[in-house]
C-alpha atoms as a PDB file:
ATOM      1  CA  MET A   1     -75.023  49.076  66.158  1.00  0.00           C
ATOM      2  CA  ASN A   2     -78.096  47.051  67.030  1.00  0.00           C
ATOM      3  CA  ASN A   3     -78.132  43.637  68.711  1.00  0.00           C
ATOM      4  CA  ASP A   4     -78.389  41.695  65.429  1.00  0.00           C
ATOM      5  CA  GLU A   5     -75.350  43.463  64.015  1.00  0.00           C
ATOM      6  CA  ALA A   6     -73.398  42.863  67.212  1.00  0.00           C
ATOM      7  CA  GLU A   7     -74.266  39.160  67.223  1.00  0.00           C
ATOM      8  CA  GLU A   8     -73.258  38.811  63.557  1.00  0.00           C
ATOM      9  CA  ARG A   9     -69.969  40.592  64.238  1.00  0.00           C
ATOM     10  CA  ASN A  10     -69.247  38.274  67.159  1.00  0.00           C
ATOM     11  CA  LYS A  11     -69.847  35.240  64.948  1.00  0.00           C
ATOM     12  CA  THR A  12     -67.536  36.440  62.187  1.00  0.00           C
ATOM     13  CA  ASP A  13     -64.945  38.122  64.368  1.00  0.00           C
ATOM     14  CA  ASP A  14     -62.095  35.708  65.072  1.00  0.00           C
ATOM     15  CA  ARG A  15     -60.801  36.975  68.402  1.00  0.00           C
ATOM     16  CA  ARG A  16     -57.751  34.735  68.153  1.00  0.00           C
ATOM     17  CA  ASP A  17     -56.388  37.206  65.599  1.00  0.00           C
ATOM     18  CA  TRP A  18     -56.169  39.779  68.395  1.00  0.00           C
ATOM     19  CA  ARG A  19     -53.548  37.823  70.353  1.00  0.00           C
ATOM     20  CA  ASP A  20     -50.140  36.289  69.731  1.00  0.00           C
ATOM     21  CA  GLU A  21     -49.177  32.674  70.472  1.00  0.00           C
ATOM     22  CA  ARG A  22     -48.601  33.549  74.160  1.00  0.00           C
ATOM     23  CA  GLY A  23     -52.042  35.143  74.531  1.00  0.00           C
ATOM     24  CA  ARG A  24     -50.819  38.748  74.591  1.00  0.00           C
ATOM     25  CA  PHE A  25     -52.670  41.432  72.661  1.00  0.00           C
ATOM     26  CA  LEU A  26     -51.110  42.326  69.333  1.00  0.00           C
ATOM     27  CA  PRO A  27     -50.336  45.986  68.621  1.00  0.00           C
ATOM     28  CA  GLY A  28     -53.496  47.914  67.808  1.00  0.00           C
ATOM     29  CA  ASN A  29     -55.791  45.507  69.655  1.00  0.00           C
ATOM     30  CA  ASN A  30     -57.150  46.200  73.087  1.00  0.00           C
ATOM     31  CA  ALA A  31     -59.648  44.435  75.328  1.00  0.00           C
ATOM     32  CA  ASN A  32     -60.949  47.798  76.530  1.00  0.00           C
ATOM     33  CA  PRO A  33     -60.630  50.292  73.661  1.00  0.00           C
ATOM     34  CA  GLU A  34     -62.815  52.912  75.380  1.00  0.00           C
ATOM     35  CA  GLY A  35     -60.600  52.888  78.478  1.00  0.00           C
ATOM     36  CA  ARG A  36     -61.682  53.158  82.063  1.00  0.00           C
ATOM     37  CA  PRO A  37     -64.863  55.209  82.452  1.00  0.00           C
ATOM     38  CA  ARG A  38     -64.479  58.505  84.265  1.00  0.00           C
ATOM     39  CA  LYS A  39     -65.957  58.668  87.723  1.00  0.00           C
ATOM     40  CA  GLU A  40     -68.653  61.247  88.195  1.00  0.00           C
ATOM     41  CA  LEU A  41     -67.804  61.709  91.859  1.00  0.00           C
ATOM     42  CA  SER A  42     -64.273  61.447  93.109  1.00  0.00           C
ATOM     43  CA  LEU A  43     -62.408  62.960  96.019  1.00  0.00           C
ATOM     44  CA  THR A  44     -60.579  65.272  93.619  1.00  0.00           C
ATOM     45  CA  SER A  45     -63.747  66.513  91.898  1.00  0.00           C
ATOM     46  CA  ILE A  46     -65.476  67.119  95.235  1.00  0.00           C
ATOM     47  CA  ALA A  47     -62.459  69.007  96.633  1.00  0.00           C
ATOM     48  CA  LYS A  48     -62.169  71.124  93.475  1.00  0.00           C
ATOM     49  CA  ALA A  49     -65.856  72.018  93.633  1.00  0.00           C
ATOM     50  CA  MET A  50     -65.595  72.985  97.303  1.00  0.00           C
ATOM     51  CA  LEU A  51     -62.498  75.124  96.714  1.00  0.00           C
ATOM     52  CA  GLU A  52     -64.126  76.859  93.743  1.00  0.00           C
ATOM     53  CA  ALA A  53     -67.170  77.662  95.870  1.00  0.00           C
ATOM     54  CA  HIS A  54     -65.069  78.727  98.878  1.00  0.00           C
ATOM     55  CA  PRO A  55     -61.656  80.022  97.716  1.00  0.00           C
ATOM     56  CA  GLU A  56     -60.824  81.184 101.247  1.00  0.00           C
ATOM     57  CA  MET A  57     -60.571  77.508 102.236  1.00  0.00           C
ATOM     58  CA  ALA A  58     -57.553  77.073  99.949  1.00  0.00           C
ATOM     59  CA  GLU A  59     -55.670  79.752 101.863  1.00  0.00           C
ATOM     60  CA  GLU A  60     -56.507  78.167 105.233  1.00  0.00           C
ATOM     61  CA  ILE A  61     -55.469  74.710 104.009  1.00  0.00           C
ATOM     62  CA  THR A  62     -52.192  76.116 102.681  1.00  0.00           C
ATOM     63  CA  LYS A  63     -51.451  77.856 105.992  1.00  0.00           C
ATOM     64  CA  LYS A  64     -52.024  74.613 107.926  1.00  0.00           C
ATOM     65  CA  TRP A  65     -49.909  72.685 105.436  1.00  0.00           C
ATOM     66  CA  LEU A  66     -47.029  75.139 105.839  1.00  0.00           C
ATOM     67  CA  ALA A  67     -47.343  75.047 109.637  1.00  0.00           C
ATOM     68  CA  GLN A  68     -47.217  71.233 109.636  1.00  0.00           C
ATOM     69  CA  SER A  69     -44.171  71.307 107.382  1.00  0.00           C
ATOM     70  CA  GLN A  70     -42.399  73.823 109.619  1.00  0.00           C
ATOM     71  CA  ALA A  71     -43.277  71.715 112.672  1.00  0.00           C
ATOM     72  CA  GLY A  72     -41.314  68.844 111.161  1.00  0.00           C
ATOM     73  CA  LEU A  73     -44.104  66.657 109.794  1.00  0.00           C
ATOM     74  CA  THR A  74     -42.151  64.815 107.112  1.00  0.00           C
ATOM     75  CA  GLU A  75     -45.150  63.882 104.960  1.00  0.00           C
ATOM     76  CA  ALA A  76     -46.374  67.480 104.843  1.00  0.00           C
ATOM     77  CA  ARG A  77     -42.900  68.720 103.925  1.00  0.00           C
ATOM     78  CA  ARG A  78     -42.497  66.120 101.158  1.00  0.00           C
ATOM     79  CA  ASP A  79     -45.968  66.805  99.734  1.00  0.00           C
ATOM     80  CA  LEU A  80     -45.378  70.546  99.806  1.00  0.00           C
ATOM     81  CA  GLN A  81     -42.025  70.210  98.062  1.00  0.00           C
ATOM     82  CA  ASP A  82     -43.532  67.903  95.411  1.00  0.00           C
ATOM     83  CA  ARG A  83     -46.307  70.419  94.725  1.00  0.00           C
ATOM     84  CA  ILE A  84     -43.973  73.415  94.507  1.00  0.00           C
ATOM     85  CA  GLU A  85     -40.954  71.942  92.724  1.00  0.00           C
ATOM     86  CA  GLY A  86     -42.430  68.808  91.169  1.00  0.00           C
ATOM     87  CA  LYS A  87     -41.584  65.228  92.027  1.00  0.00           C
ATOM     88  CA  VAL A  88     -37.974  64.235  91.646  1.00  0.00           C
ATOM     89  CA  PRO A  89     -37.730  61.728  88.779  1.00  0.00           C
ATOM     90  CA  LEU A  90     -36.151  58.424  89.625  1.00  0.00           C
ATOM     91  CA  PRO A  91     -32.990  57.805  87.622  1.00  0.00           C
ATOM     92  CA  SER A  92     -33.091  54.893  85.236  1.00  0.00           C
ATOM     93  CA  VAL A  93     -30.083  52.999  83.986  1.00  0.00           C
ATOM     94  CA  LYS A  94     -30.023  50.498  81.163  1.00  0.00           C
ATOM     95  CA  ILE A  95     -27.766  47.604  82.039  1.00  0.00           C
ATOM     96  CA  GLU A  96     -26.869  44.962  79.522  1.00  0.00           C
ATOM     97  CA  GLY A  97     -24.983  41.937  80.675  1.00  0.00           C
ATOM     98  CA  GLY A  98     -24.086  38.463  79.582  1.00  0.00           C
ATOM     99  CA  GLY A  99     -26.860  36.835  81.591  1.00  0.00           C
ATOM    100  CA  GLU A 100     -24.924  37.014  84.846  1.00  0.00           C
ATOM    101  CA  PRO A 101     -26.606  38.492  87.927  1.00  0.00           C
ATOM    102  CA  ILE A 102     -25.598  42.062  88.607  1.00  0.00           C
ATOM    103  CA  VAL A 103     -25.201  43.231  92.207  1.00  0.00           C
ATOM    104  CA  ILE A 104     -25.826  46.901  92.839  1.00  0.00           C
ATOM    105  CA  ARG A 105     -24.733  48.259  96.188  1.00  0.00           C
ATOM    106  CA  VAL A 106     -25.740  51.785  97.218  1.00  0.00           C
ATOM    107  CA  VAL A 107     -23.669  53.429  99.922  1.00  0.00           C
ATOM    108  CA  TYR A 108     -24.780  56.682 101.499  1.00  0.00           C
ATOM    109  CA  GLU A 109     -22.085  58.912 102.881  1.00  0.00           C
ATOM    110  CA  ASP A 110     -22.805  60.667 106.151  1.00  0.00           C
ATOM    111  CA  LYS A 111     -21.594  64.249 105.660  1.00  0.00           C
ATOM    112  CA  ARG A 112     -22.196  65.474 109.200  1.00  0.00           C
END
């Protein structure tokens, strides 16, 4: 589409048809239809490239990660468990009430 076509489209395109009375986008309309552009360089892409070039680094990183977990570093243990077993999904509960506030109290039992 050249500039003249884009200008003509902007003149004839009624953008108010894209939104409801509260200003929200209607289904099928999006302010950014192409989505967020992919980053050429990111921490993940750099790390993947380094590990592909030097696979022995992955083994060293894993050994350190396991050692930190065994030493009691909570973050390392949690990350390791998430990678091996997957993150634990948070339970969701649908609660329907008559407009009254609902109080939810969670009590943890100490089983020591």
